[in-house]
């Protein structure tokens, strides 16, 4: 699909309308992009480090938020 080469706004624009939700650890993404105008929701995982051992404990809350989040909305999961 060529997603690896895409960054920030270009990635969001490409994913908008093709996916319902983008899950990221980029805590600055919502400050840099106007998510409310896109047909995609963004969930930001907030952990001390971006290693699996720190992200796995967020899974139960992530599952809940995945069911609730709406297009154009940014939600944070974790600390």
C-alpha atoms as a PDB file:
ATOM      1  CA  UNK A   1       0.000   0.000   0.000  1.00  0.00           C
ATOM      2  CA  UNK A   2       2.982   2.322   0.390  1.00  0.00           C
ATOM      3  CA  UNK A   3       1.876   3.715   3.770  1.00  0.00           C
ATOM      4  CA  UNK A   4       5.366   3.672   5.314  1.00  0.00           C
ATOM      5  CA  UNK A   5       6.545   6.624   3.242  1.00  0.00           C
ATOM      6  CA  UNK A   6       3.596   8.830   4.240  1.00  0.00           C
ATOM      7  CA  UNK A   7       3.758  11.274   7.133  1.00  0.00           C
ATOM      8  CA  UNK A   8       1.272  13.306   9.188  1.00  0.00           C
ATOM      9  CA  UNK A   9      -1.187  15.211   6.990  1.00  0.00           C
ATOM     10  CA  UNK A  10      -0.531  13.134   3.889  1.00  0.00           C
ATOM     11  CA  UNK A  11      -1.018   9.913   5.868  1.00  0.00           C
ATOM     12  CA  UNK A  12      -4.247  11.172   7.426  1.00  0.00           C
ATOM     13  CA  UNK A  13      -5.610  12.335   4.072  1.00  0.00           C
ATOM     14  CA  UNK A  14      -4.776   8.977   2.465  1.00  0.00           C
ATOM     15  CA  UNK A  15      -6.351   7.017   5.326  1.00  0.00           C
ATOM     16  CA  UNK A  16      -9.418   9.266   5.601  1.00  0.00           C
ATOM     17  CA  UNK A  17     -12.428   7.486   4.160  1.00  0.00           C
ATOM     18  CA  UNK A  18     -10.533   4.197   3.854  1.00  0.00           C
ATOM     19  CA  UNK A  19     -10.187   3.480   7.579  1.00  0.00           C
ATOM     20  CA  UNK A  20     -12.379   4.428  10.516  1.00  0.00           C
ATOM     21  CA  UNK A  21      -9.594   4.932  13.064  1.00  0.00           C
ATOM     22  CA  UNK A  22      -5.873   5.678  13.129  1.00  0.00           C
ATOM     23  CA  UNK A  23      -4.133   4.536  16.330  1.00  0.00           C
ATOM     24  CA  UNK A  24      -0.859   6.347  16.970  1.00  0.00           C
ATOM     25  CA  UNK A  25       1.626   7.216  19.689  1.00  0.00           C
ATOM     26  CA  UNK A  26       2.306  10.649  18.134  1.00  0.00           C
ATOM     27  CA  UNK A  27       1.030  12.961  20.868  1.00  0.00           C
ATOM     28  CA  UNK A  28       1.568  16.073  18.728  1.00  0.00           C
ATOM     29  CA  UNK A  29      -0.442  14.870  15.741  1.00  0.00           C
ATOM     30  CA  UNK A  30      -3.702  16.494  16.832  1.00  0.00           C
ATOM     31  CA  UNK A  31      -1.888  19.811  17.427  1.00  0.00           C
ATOM     32  CA  UNK A  32      -0.389  19.720  13.940  1.00  0.00           C
ATOM     33  CA  UNK A  33      -3.417  18.526  11.967  1.00  0.00           C
ATOM     34  CA  UNK A  34      -7.104  19.497  11.843  1.00  0.00           C
ATOM     35  CA  UNK A  35      -8.601  16.049  12.453  1.00  0.00           C
ATOM     36  CA  UNK A  36     -12.172  17.373  12.742  1.00  0.00           C
ATOM     37  CA  UNK A  37     -12.335  17.923   8.965  1.00  0.00           C
ATOM     38  CA  UNK A  38     -11.385  14.332   8.116  1.00  0.00           C
ATOM     39  CA  UNK A  39     -13.459  11.171   7.761  1.00  0.00           C
ATOM     40  CA  UNK A  40     -11.280   9.318  10.253  1.00  0.00           C
ATOM     41  CA  UNK A  41     -10.906   9.220  14.034  1.00  0.00           C
ATOM     42  CA  UNK A  42      -7.556   9.306  15.804  1.00  0.00           C
ATOM     43  CA  UNK A  43      -6.693   7.520  19.043  1.00  0.00           C
ATOM     44  CA  UNK A  44      -3.437   8.567  20.670  1.00  0.00           C
ATOM     45  CA  UNK A  45      -1.788   6.013  22.951  1.00  0.00           C
ATOM     46  CA  UNK A  46      -0.061   7.808  25.825  1.00  0.00           C
ATOM     47  CA  UNK A  47       2.620   5.788  27.608  1.00  0.00           C
ATOM     48  CA  UNK A  48       6.022   6.457  29.158  1.00  0.00           C
ATOM     49  CA  UNK A  49       7.702   4.746  26.210  1.00  0.00           C
ATOM     50  CA  UNK A  50       6.619   3.412  22.845  1.00  0.00           C
ATOM     51  CA  UNK A  51       7.611  -0.146  23.672  1.00  0.00           C
ATOM     52  CA  UNK A  52       5.133  -2.999  23.674  1.00  0.00           C
ATOM     53  CA  UNK A  53       5.515  -3.613  27.415  1.00  0.00           C
ATOM     54  CA  UNK A  54       4.297  -0.054  28.079  1.00  0.00           C
ATOM     55  CA  UNK A  55       1.562  -0.100  25.420  1.00  0.00           C
ATOM     56  CA  UNK A  56      -0.022  -3.492  26.189  1.00  0.00           C
ATOM     57  CA  UNK A  57      -1.594  -2.306  29.478  1.00  0.00           C
ATOM     58  CA  UNK A  58      -3.545   0.260  27.426  1.00  0.00           C
ATOM     59  CA  UNK A  59      -5.348  -2.456  25.426  1.00  0.00           C
ATOM     60  CA  UNK A  60      -8.512  -2.722  27.596  1.00  0.00           C
ATOM     61  CA  UNK A  61      -9.108   1.037  27.496  1.00  0.00           C
ATOM     62  CA  UNK A  62      -8.241   1.129  23.786  1.00  0.00           C
ATOM     63  CA  UNK A  63     -10.888  -1.503  23.040  1.00  0.00           C
ATOM     64  CA  UNK A  64     -13.505   0.579  24.848  1.00  0.00           C
ATOM     65  CA  UNK A  65     -12.527   3.802  23.077  1.00  0.00           C
ATOM     66  CA  UNK A  66     -12.521   2.049  19.681  1.00  0.00           C
ATOM     67  CA  UNK A  67     -16.236   1.341  20.171  1.00  0.00           C
ATOM     68  CA  UNK A  68     -17.049   4.938  21.151  1.00  0.00           C
ATOM     69  CA  UNK A  69     -14.847   7.200  19.000  1.00  0.00           C
ATOM     70  CA  UNK A  70     -16.472   9.138  16.172  1.00  0.00           C
ATOM     71  CA  UNK A  71     -15.083  10.315  12.838  1.00  0.00           C
ATOM     72  CA  UNK A  72     -13.191  13.580  13.149  1.00  0.00           C
ATOM     73  CA  UNK A  73     -12.567  13.031  16.857  1.00  0.00           C
ATOM     74  CA  UNK A  74      -9.255  12.663  18.700  1.00  0.00           C
ATOM     75  CA  UNK A  75      -9.203  10.575  21.880  1.00  0.00           C
ATOM     76  CA  UNK A  76      -6.294   9.841  24.206  1.00  0.00           C
ATOM     77  CA  UNK A  77      -5.775   6.486  25.930  1.00  0.00           C
ATOM     78  CA  UNK A  78      -3.409   6.174  28.867  1.00  0.00           C
ATOM     79  CA  UNK A  79      -1.511   8.440  31.237  1.00  0.00           C
END
